[in-house]
Protein backbone atom coordinates (compact mmCIF):
# COMPACT_ATOMS: atom_id res chain seq x y z
CA MET A 1 -0.12 -0.24 0.14
CA MET A 2 0.88 3.27 -0.68
CA ARG A 3 2.25 5.53 2.21
CA ALA A 4 -0.41 8.55 2.97
CA ARG A 5 0.91 11.71 1.55
CA ASN A 6 1.12 15.16 3.27
CA VAL A 7 -2.51 16.41 3.33
CA THR A 8 -2.58 19.95 2.36
CA GLY A 9 -4.30 22.70 0.34
CA ARG A 10 -2.37 23.24 -2.92
CA GLY A 11 -2.35 25.72 -6.03
CA ALA A 12 -5.47 26.55 -7.91
CA ARG A 13 -8.08 24.05 -5.83
CA GLY A 14 -7.06 26.29 -2.59
CA ALA A 15 -7.77 29.91 -4.72
CA VAL A 16 -10.79 28.28 -5.86
CA VAL A 17 -12.13 27.10 -2.28
CA VAL A 18 -10.82 30.78 -1.06
CA VAL A 19 -12.80 32.74 -4.01
CA ALA A 20 -15.81 30.59 -3.14
CA LEU A 21 -16.02 31.69 -0.04
CA ILE A 22 -15.40 35.21 -0.42
CA ALA A 23 -17.94 35.36 -3.36
CA GLY A 24 -20.73 33.64 -0.83
CA GLY A 25 -20.60 36.54 1.20
CA LEU A 26 -20.37 33.84 4.13
CA PRO A 27 -22.82 35.56 7.34
CA LEU A 28 -21.47 34.64 10.55
CA ALA A 29 -24.35 35.99 12.51
CA ALA A 30 -26.86 33.14 12.58
CA GLY A 31 -24.57 30.37 14.00
CA ALA A 32 -21.69 31.85 15.59
CA GLN A 33 -23.64 34.33 17.67
CA ALA A 34 -25.85 31.60 18.56
CA LEU A 35 -22.56 29.39 20.15
CA ARG A 36 -20.81 32.75 21.20
CA GLY A 37 -19.72 33.36 24.96
CA LYS A 38 -18.97 36.83 26.61
CA VAL A 39 -15.54 37.73 25.68
CA GLY A 40 -13.25 36.90 28.65
CA ALA A 41 -15.98 34.65 30.52
CA PRO A 42 -14.80 31.20 31.37
CA PRO A 43 -15.87 28.99 28.80
CA PRO A 44 -18.65 26.91 29.92
CA ALA A 45 -18.19 23.11 30.49
CA VAL A 46 -20.13 21.00 27.98
CA ALA A 47 -21.44 17.98 29.11
CA ALA A 48 -23.10 15.47 26.99
CA PRO A 49 -27.02 16.25 27.26
CA ALA A 50 -29.59 13.49 28.22
CA VAL A 51 -31.13 13.92 24.52
CA ALA A 52 -34.82 12.82 24.07
CA PRO A 53 -35.45 11.19 20.56
CA VAL A 54 -36.49 13.86 18.00
CA ALA A 55 -39.81 12.94 16.08
CA PRO A 56 -38.96 12.49 12.19
CA ALA A 57 -41.38 14.94 11.48
CA ALA A 58 -39.12 17.34 13.64
CA VAL A 59 -36.42 17.25 10.88
CA ALA A 60 -36.05 16.45 7.34
CA PRO A 61 -35.23 12.56 6.98
CA VAL A 62 -31.12 12.65 6.86
CA VAL A 63 -30.90 10.71 3.66
CA GLN A 64 -33.19 12.42 1.62
CA SER A 65 -32.62 15.97 2.83
CA PRO A 66 -32.16 18.17 -0.04
CA ALA A 67 -28.51 18.93 -0.83
CA PRO A 68 -27.85 23.07 -1.98
CA PRO A 69 -27.15 23.37 -5.88
CA ARG A 70 -23.64 21.81 -6.22
CA PRO A 71 -21.31 24.32 -8.27
CA MET A 72 -20.90 23.89 -11.93
CA SER A 73 -16.99 24.00 -11.44
CA GLU A 74 -16.74 21.11 -8.74
CA SER A 75 -13.89 19.34 -8.71
CA VAL A 76 -11.32 16.64 -7.02
CA ALA A 77 -10.10 18.19 -3.58
CA ALA A 78 -8.68 14.78 -2.41
CA VAL A 79 -8.77 11.05 -3.02
CA VAL A 80 -8.69 8.62 -0.29
CA ASN A 81 -8.72 5.13 -1.14
CA ASP A 82 -10.17 5.87 -4.24
CA GLU A 83 -13.35 7.85 -2.73
CA ILE A 84 -13.35 11.28 -3.63
CA ILE A 85 -13.69 14.13 -1.60
CA SER A 86 -14.90 17.36 -3.63
CA SER A 87 -14.17 20.78 -3.71
CA TYR A 88 -17.80 21.10 -2.84
CA ASP A 89 -17.30 18.99 0.15
CA LEU A 90 -14.59 21.04 1.19
CA ALA A 91 -16.15 24.25 1.34
CA GLN A 92 -18.87 23.04 2.78
CA ARG A 93 -16.89 21.57 5.84
CA MET A 94 -14.95 25.24 5.95
CA ARG A 95 -18.45 26.67 6.21
CA LEU A 96 -19.49 24.40 9.20
CA LEU A 97 -15.69 25.06 10.89
CA ILE A 98 -16.47 28.81 10.74
CA ALA A 99 -20.09 29.07 11.68
CA THR A 100 -19.41 26.56 14.71
CA SER A 101 -16.31 27.81 15.91
CA GLY A 102 -16.89 31.73 16.03
CA VAL A 103 -13.46 32.36 14.42
CA GLN A 104 -13.53 35.21 11.50
CA PRO A 105 -12.74 34.10 7.76
CA THR A 106 -9.97 36.03 6.89
CA GLN A 107 -7.23 35.97 4.23
CA GLU A 108 -5.11 34.77 7.13
CA THR A 109 -7.23 32.17 8.66
CA LEU A 110 -8.78 30.62 6.03
CA PRO A 111 -5.97 28.54 5.21
CA GLN A 112 -6.03 27.09 8.26
CA PHE A 113 -9.73 26.62 8.02
CA GLN A 114 -8.81 24.75 4.74
CA GLN A 115 -6.06 22.61 6.17
CA GLU A 116 -8.55 21.54 9.23
CA ALA A 117 -11.33 20.82 6.87
CA LEU A 118 -9.61 18.78 4.57
CA VAL A 119 -7.57 16.75 7.49
CA SER A 120 -11.05 16.23 9.12
CA LEU A 121 -12.77 14.95 5.90
CA VAL A 122 -9.88 12.50 5.30
CA ASP A 123 -9.96 10.99 8.66
CA GLU A 124 -13.94 10.46 8.64
CA ARG A 125 -13.70 8.91 5.18
CA LEU A 126 -10.89 6.45 6.62
CA GLN A 127 -13.15 5.92 9.82
CA LEU A 128 -16.01 5.29 7.96
CA GLN A 129 -14.43 3.01 5.34
CA GLU A 130 -13.12 0.95 8.09
CA LEU A 131 -16.06 0.73 9.66
CA ARG A 132 -18.03 -0.35 6.54
CA ARG A 133 -15.63 -3.05 6.51
CA VAL A 134 -15.84 -4.60 9.97
CA GLN A 135 -19.34 -4.70 9.54
CA ARG A 136 -19.08 -6.64 6.47
CA ASP A 137 -16.84 -8.78 8.00
CA GLN A 138 -18.27 -9.22 11.14
CA LYS A 139 -21.88 -8.92 10.29
CA ILE A 140 -22.72 -6.44 12.91
CA THR A 141 -23.89 -2.78 12.81
CA ILE A 142 -21.79 0.13 14.00
CA ILE A 143 -22.18 2.76 11.61
CA ALA A 144 -25.00 5.32 13.28
CA THR A 145 -28.68 5.15 11.79
CA ASP A 146 -30.50 8.01 10.65
CA ASP A 147 -32.66 8.03 14.06
CA GLU A 148 -29.58 8.18 16.03
CA ILE A 149 -28.20 11.12 13.79
CA LEU A 150 -31.64 13.19 14.11
CA GLU A 151 -31.50 12.25 18.06
CA GLU A 152 -27.88 13.69 18.37
CA LEU A 153 -29.01 16.70 16.29
CA GLY A 154 -32.06 17.38 18.73
CA GLY A 155 -29.33 17.61 21.62
CA MET A 156 -26.97 19.78 19.56
CA ALA A 157 -29.92 22.12 19.06
CA ARG A 158 -30.96 22.20 22.66
CA GLN A 159 -27.73 23.20 23.69
CA ASN A 160 -28.02 26.44 21.38
CA ASN A 161 -31.70 27.08 22.62
CA LEU A 162 -32.86 26.09 19.22
CA LYS A 163 -35.26 23.39 17.61
CA PRO A 164 -33.91 20.92 15.11
CA GLU A 165 -35.35 22.90 12.37
CA GLY A 166 -34.41 26.06 13.61
CA PHE A 167 -30.81 25.03 13.72
CA LEU A 168 -30.46 23.70 10.73
CA ALA A 169 -32.12 27.07 9.37
CA ALA A 170 -29.34 28.50 11.00
CA LEU A 171 -26.78 26.69 9.40
CA LYS A 172 -28.97 26.94 5.90
CA SER A 173 -28.61 30.93 6.01
CA GLN A 174 -24.95 30.55 6.13
CA GLY A 175 -24.56 28.21 3.02
CA ILE A 176 -24.41 25.14 4.63
CA GLY A 177 -26.12 22.15 3.52
CA PRO A 178 -27.56 19.45 6.61
CA GLU A 179 -26.17 16.50 4.87
CA THR A 180 -22.53 18.46 5.64
CA LEU A 181 -23.20 18.21 9.17
CA TYR A 182 -25.15 14.87 8.94
CA GLN A 183 -22.07 13.26 7.74
CA GLN A 184 -19.52 14.84 10.66
CA ILE A 185 -22.27 13.26 13.42
CA ARG A 186 -22.10 9.97 11.79
CA ALA A 187 -18.59 9.81 11.72
CA GLN A 188 -18.02 10.90 14.98
CA MET A 189 -20.72 8.97 16.76
CA SER A 190 -19.74 5.52 14.74
CA TRP A 191 -16.33 5.75 15.32
CA GLN A 192 -16.69 6.68 19.12
CA ARG A 193 -18.99 3.41 19.30
CA TRP A 194 -16.75 1.51 17.89
CA ILE A 195 -13.67 2.45 19.65
CA ARG A 196 -15.14 1.96 22.79
CA GLY A 197 -17.07 -1.20 21.86
CA ARG A 198 -14.10 -2.98 20.73
CA TYR A 199 -11.41 -1.91 23.23
CA GLY A 200 -13.46 -0.37 26.43
CA SER A 201 -14.49 -3.77 27.62
CA ARG A 202 -11.16 -5.16 27.38
CA LEU A 203 -9.06 -2.08 29.28
CA ARG A 204 -8.30 -3.06 32.98
CA ILE A 205 -7.76 -0.10 35.05
CA GLY A 206 -5.99 -1.77 37.90
CA GLU A 207 -6.44 -0.56 41.84
CA ASP A 208 -2.87 0.25 41.92
CA GLN A 209 -3.13 2.84 38.99
CA ILE A 210 -6.47 4.31 40.78
CA LYS A 211 -4.28 4.33 44.07
CA ALA A 212 -1.32 5.27 42.79
CA THR A 213 -3.36 8.49 41.12
CA GLN A 214 -5.05 9.21 44.38
CA ALA A 215 -1.69 9.41 46.10
CA ARG A 216 -0.12 11.45 43.22
CA LEU A 217 -3.44 14.00 43.28
CA LEU A 218 -3.29 14.13 46.92
CA ALA A 219 0.69 15.22 47.17
CA ALA A 220 0.09 17.46 44.87
CA ALA A 221 -2.64 19.44 46.60
CA SER A 222 -0.12 21.41 48.60
CA LYS A 223 1.24 22.75 45.17
CA PRO A 224 -0.42 25.77 43.41
CA GLN A 225 -3.85 24.72 41.54
CA TYR A 226 -5.29 25.77 38.23
CA GLN A 227 -8.86 25.20 36.54
CA ILE A 228 -7.85 25.32 33.09
CA SER A 229 -9.13 24.84 29.40
CA GLU A 230 -7.05 23.95 26.94
CA VAL A 231 -6.66 24.07 22.83
CA PHE A 232 -3.86 21.38 21.82
CA LEU A 233 -2.85 21.52 17.94
CA ASP A 234 -0.61 18.04 17.01
CA ALA A 235 2.18 19.08 15.02
CA GLY A 236 2.04 16.13 12.81
CA ARG A 237 -1.43 16.58 12.36
CA THR A 238 -1.19 20.53 11.06
CA GLY A 239 2.00 19.95 8.88
CA GLY A 240 4.78 20.73 11.67
CA MET A 241 5.91 22.67 14.15
CA ASP A 242 5.82 26.16 12.17
CA ALA A 243 2.36 25.24 11.02
CA ALA A 244 1.32 24.47 14.30
CA MET A 245 2.37 28.08 15.55
CA LYS A 246 1.14 29.74 13.07
CA GLY A 247 -2.30 28.34 13.33
CA ALA A 248 -2.21 28.62 17.31
CA THR A 249 -1.02 32.48 16.50
CA GLN A 250 -3.74 33.06 14.73
CA LEU A 251 -6.65 31.45 17.13
CA VAL A 252 -5.39 33.01 20.19
CA ALA A 253 -5.76 36.27 17.71
CA GLN A 254 -9.51 35.54 17.53
CA MET A 255 -10.38 34.53 20.58
CA GLN A 256 -8.94 37.97 21.82
CA GLN A 257 -11.64 39.17 19.47
CA GLY A 258 -14.10 37.39 21.40
CA ALA A 259 -14.38 33.84 19.56
CA PRO A 260 -15.37 31.50 22.29
CA PHE A 261 -12.78 29.55 23.65
CA ALA A 262 -14.92 26.29 24.19
CA SER A 263 -16.12 26.47 20.35
CA VAL A 264 -12.06 27.12 18.97
CA ALA A 265 -11.70 23.98 21.03
CA ARG A 266 -14.08 21.55 19.90
CA GLN A 267 -13.45 22.32 16.33
CA PHE A 268 -9.37 22.61 16.53
CA SER A 269 -7.71 20.73 19.25
CA THR A 270 -6.80 17.13 19.03
CA SER A 271 -6.66 16.78 22.99
CA ALA A 272 -9.06 14.22 24.90
CA THR A 273 -10.87 17.40 26.18
CA ALA A 274 -12.01 18.67 22.77
CA ALA A 275 -15.32 17.16 23.45
CA ALA A 276 -15.92 19.23 26.23
CA GLY A 277 -14.84 22.30 25.12
CA GLY A 278 -11.40 22.02 26.21
CA ASP A 279 -12.40 21.79 29.70
CA ALA A 280 -9.28 20.08 31.54
CA GLY A 281 -10.44 20.91 35.44
CA TRP A 282 -8.14 21.29 37.94
CA ILE A 283 -4.66 20.55 37.71
CA SER A 284 -1.64 20.84 39.62
CA GLN A 285 2.25 21.85 38.84
CA GLY A 286 3.96 19.21 37.24
CA GLU A 287 0.80 17.33 35.63
CA MET A 288 1.66 19.29 32.34
CA PRO A 289 4.75 19.83 30.15
CA ALA A 290 7.35 22.18 31.92
CA GLN A 291 6.91 24.84 29.46
CA VAL A 292 3.08 24.67 30.09
CA ASP A 293 4.09 24.80 33.81
CA ALA A 294 6.27 28.04 33.77
CA VAL A 295 3.35 29.93 31.76
CA LEU A 296 0.69 28.90 33.95
CA ASP A 297 2.75 30.37 37.28
CA GLN A 298 2.66 33.62 35.34
CA LEU A 299 -0.68 34.04 34.03
CA ARG A 300 -4.02 35.52 36.21
CA PRO A 301 -7.48 33.94 36.12
CA GLY A 302 -9.04 35.33 33.10
CA GLN A 303 -5.90 35.45 30.82
CA LEU A 304 -5.46 33.41 27.73
CA SER A 305 -2.05 32.23 27.05
CA GLN A 306 0.33 32.97 24.21
CA PRO A 307 0.83 29.55 22.25
CA ILE A 308 3.20 27.36 23.97
CA GLN A 309 5.31 25.04 22.04
CA VAL A 310 6.24 21.27 23.36
CA LYS A 311 7.73 18.46 21.86
CA ASP A 312 4.66 17.64 19.93
CA GLY A 313 2.57 20.44 19.25
CA VAL A 314 1.26 23.40 20.43
CA TYR A 315 -1.00 24.14 23.82
CA ILE A 316 -3.14 27.61 24.08
CA LEU A 317 -4.23 27.76 27.69
CA TYR A 318 -7.35 29.66 29.19
CA LEU A 319 -6.63 29.79 33.01
CA ARG A 320 -10.29 30.01 34.50
CA ASP A 321 -9.28 30.19 38.06
CA LYS A 322 -6.38 29.34 40.51
CA ARG A 323 -6.30 28.77 44.53
CA SER A 324 -2.95 28.31 46.62
CA GLY A 325 -1.69 24.37 47.48
CA SER A 326 -2.72 23.42 51.06
CA GLY A 327 -0.89 21.33 53.39
CA GLN A 328 -3.74 20.34 55.49
CA THR A 329 -5.58 17.04 54.13
CA LEU A 330 -9.29 16.40 55.18
CA VAL A 331 -10.45 12.88 55.67
CA SER A 332 -14.07 11.54 55.90
CA LEU A 333 -14.33 8.71 58.26
CA LYS A 334 -16.75 6.28 59.45
CA GLN A 335 -16.40 3.74 62.59
CA ALA A 336 -17.68 0.43 64.18
CA ALA A 337 -17.22 0.47 67.97
CA ILE A 338 -17.72 -1.31 70.90
CA ALA A 339 -17.75 0.79 74.28
CA LEU A 340 -15.17 -0.38 76.98
CA PRO A 341 -13.99 1.81 79.89
CA ALA A 342 -10.31 2.67 80.57
CA THR A 343 -10.46 0.19 83.36
CA ALA A 344 -11.70 -2.66 81.77
CA THR A 345 -9.62 -6.14 81.97
CA PRO A 346 -7.44 -7.53 79.59
CA GLY A 347 -10.07 -10.33 78.92
CA GLN A 348 -12.99 -8.18 78.48
CA VAL A 349 -10.32 -6.18 75.76
CA GLU A 350 -9.89 -9.19 74.49
CA GLU A 351 -13.22 -10.74 74.08
CA ALA A 352 -14.14 -7.22 72.13
CA ARG A 353 -11.82 -7.43 70.00
CA VAL A 354 -12.14 -10.78 68.75
CA LYS A 355 -16.08 -9.80 68.09
CA LEU A 356 -14.91 -6.33 66.36
CA GLU A 357 -12.50 -8.04 64.24
CA ALA A 358 -15.34 -10.62 62.77
CA VAL A 359 -17.48 -7.48 62.35
CA ARG A 360 -14.36 -5.96 60.56
CA LEU A 361 -13.95 -8.92 58.31
CA SER A 362 -17.53 -8.78 57.12
CA ILE A 363 -17.57 -5.27 56.32
CA LYS A 364 -17.01 -4.49 52.54
CA GLY A 365 -16.62 -0.70 52.56
CA CYS A 366 -17.85 2.51 53.79
CA ALA A 367 -21.46 1.85 51.92
CA ASP A 368 -22.20 -0.94 54.28
CA MET A 369 -20.87 -0.19 57.19
CA GLU A 370 -23.37 0.86 59.45
CA ALA A 371 -25.82 -1.89 58.19
CA THR A 372 -23.75 -4.71 58.37
CA ALA A 373 -22.02 -3.29 62.07
CA SER A 374 -25.55 -2.85 63.51
CA LYS A 375 -26.22 -7.02 63.10
CA THR A 376 -24.29 -7.56 66.03
CA ALA A 377 -24.95 -6.90 69.50
CA GLY A 378 -22.87 -4.33 71.36
CA VAL A 379 -21.53 -2.92 68.25
CA VAL A 380 -22.52 0.53 67.08
CA ALA A 381 -21.36 2.55 63.67
CA GLY A 382 -21.74 5.57 62.73
CA ASP A 383 -20.50 8.28 60.53
CA LEU A 384 -17.81 10.69 61.83
CA GLY A 385 -18.06 13.08 58.95
CA GLU A 386 -15.11 15.09 57.45
CA ALA A 387 -11.88 16.56 59.44
CA GLU A 388 -8.22 17.50 59.25
CA ILE A 389 -6.02 14.69 59.77
CA GLY A 390 -4.06 16.93 62.29
CA ASP A 391 -7.14 17.59 64.44
CA LEU A 392 -7.51 13.72 64.69
CA SER A 393 -6.50 12.27 68.26
CA PRO A 394 -3.25 10.54 68.13
CA GLU A 395 -5.02 6.98 67.80
CA PHE A 396 -7.28 7.84 64.68
CA LYS A 397 -4.45 10.10 62.86
CA ASP A 398 -1.91 7.30 62.50
CA ALA A 399 -4.65 5.23 60.76
CA ALA A 400 -6.39 7.97 58.96
CA THR A 401 -2.70 8.92 57.49
CA ARG A 402 -1.65 5.69 56.88
CA LEU A 403 -4.89 4.11 55.35
CA GLU A 404 -5.86 4.62 51.65
CA VAL A 405 -9.69 5.76 50.64
CA GLY A 406 -11.74 2.54 50.77
CA GLN A 407 -9.93 0.72 53.40
CA LEU A 408 -10.37 -0.26 57.34
CA SER A 409 -8.12 -0.29 60.24
CA ALA A 410 -7.46 -2.90 62.32
CA PRO A 411 -9.35 -2.83 66.30
CA ILE A 412 -7.93 0.70 67.65
CA ARG A 413 -7.85 0.85 71.63
CA THR A 414 -9.09 4.12 73.10
CA LYS A 415 -10.07 5.35 76.68
CA VAL A 416 -13.93 4.87 75.60
CA GLY A 417 -13.24 1.43 73.65
CA LEU A 418 -12.59 -0.65 70.52
CA HIS A 419 -12.87 1.36 67.12
CA VAL A 420 -12.62 0.09 63.58
CA LEU A 421 -12.17 3.15 61.01
CA ALA A 422 -13.34 3.33 57.48
CA VAL A 423 -11.36 5.93 55.18
CA CYS A 424 -14.28 7.05 52.86
CA GLY A 425 -12.33 9.94 51.20
CA LYS A 426 -9.41 11.84 51.37
CA ARG A 427 -8.75 15.59 49.57
CA ALA A 428 -6.56 18.71 50.25
CA ALA A 429 -8.17 21.32 52.27
CA GLY A 430 -9.81 23.67 50.15
CA GLY A 431 -9.29 21.05 47.21
CA ALA A 432 -11.70 18.76 45.18
CA GLN A 433 -12.43 15.23 46.34
CA VAL A 434 -10.11 12.52 45.03
CA ASP A 435 -13.12 10.41 44.03
CA HIS A 436 -12.23 6.35 43.07
CA ASP A 437 -14.61 6.51 40.16
CA GLN A 438 -13.78 9.88 38.45
CA ILE A 439 -10.25 8.68 38.83
CA GLU A 440 -11.26 4.96 37.32
CA ASN A 441 -13.54 7.02 34.28
CA ARG A 442 -10.60 9.71 33.28
CA LEU A 443 -7.99 7.02 33.00
CA THR A 444 -10.17 4.91 31.10
CA GLY A 445 -10.95 7.95 28.67
CA GLN A 446 -7.04 8.62 28.49
CA GLN A 447 -6.49 5.14 27.13
CA LEU A 448 -9.43 4.95 25.08
CA SER A 449 -8.14 8.32 23.11
CA MET A 450 -4.64 6.86 22.85
CA ILE A 451 -5.84 4.06 21.26
CA SER A 452 -7.92 5.81 19.07
CA ARG A 453 -5.09 8.10 17.83
CA ARG A 454 -2.68 4.93 16.96
CA TYR A 455 -5.77 3.66 15.20
CA MET A 456 -5.92 6.75 13.04
CA ARG A 457 -2.32 6.69 12.35
CA ASP A 458 -2.28 3.03 11.20
CA LEU A 459 -4.93 3.90 8.94
CA ARG A 460 -3.57 6.94 7.50
CA ASN A 461 -0.04 4.93 6.84
CA SER A 462 -1.78 2.07 4.86
CA ALA A 463 -3.91 4.51 2.93
CA THR A 464 -3.77 6.05 -0.58
CA ILE A 465 -4.55 9.23 -0.20
CA GLU A 466 -3.66 12.31 -2.86
CA THR A 467 -4.49 16.27 -2.55
CA ARG A 468 -5.17 17.96 -5.63
């Protein structure tokens, strides 16, 4: 197989697309303003909405939707394994990028739109070709149906406070045919389904990984923490480091003029956070490359960084908030206990210890501690709430420091009885709870994203791709 050629816009084709867009007088108000946030405001976190099914009558059927008149001068922009991407397809995707990113089209930014549009179309063609092959070989259905696309469209419309037909009308007013959006949705939904379905069940995030991450986050809590949104431009995908730096500089200029960070991230970033509008949440020093840490230390909340070059690409950061590190650790505790006076005999203490040890072995975790302990006469259980480890009694302090989240202590003797402690949570004072399930989901998402990038790299390398 031929190795994929560099996918860039060239010669007369690029001029034709630029002229077509400018001649079309591409209006931006309808779509871009619907997605635009306040200048300087923190980009909103984008969560996947709970999408209700859209009635078929609400939107024209996906397959049968009428396409805008195709230009007589339509030519071939690229060929992907004998499948054609036309100049019309490229111009339509460019219009969609402009409408949904909020970046103004200028002579400086149009080449970047063209590059991103062409790379996206090539990737989507490769994805759908691969999925059709898998469907044929394995006799399964992976590619999203028309009904699923309409359902997803309904969610997108509601995010913009529109009905589906109003959302499509907004795009149509900018010269964007509905099939352009349908094709993008179909490829994205289908590919994500395939990657998660094929690899998600095979991934094993071990408890050691989760505990190591919890320990790292807890240790990092004493350092300054930053709530950021990010755009990452992969130099390998954009045609080299110089192209990535140039593209990032243009995006920064556009965001300084009001283009919403979240919209730009969704359309241009290759980071796993792109689907969430670039929202990376709270991070600590050391989690990002050293070049990024150095810039974060100088930014103030509400500021946008200049392009930051790292080993394999370029970052743009938006610092939403910042907080000082804390040396204090808060711990959430529960206990099962047997009351014993300080004057209890060694025999009484040992009898109570045996009983409490049997209860401890039957407790599965924080969730069932009270219910399990209450079944044994003389044992009481309760929630001790959250406290700083430094404020605990010496007997409890040692156990709370050593134990990890979800672990139970051996019986601890105090002046008032015997106690089994359960550590139900730990976090830095002023920081967010270190949650087991959130860490597991985050690690799973990172691994799936890495698998998807490698899969796409292999598809590109084995494909025959020509640009004209």
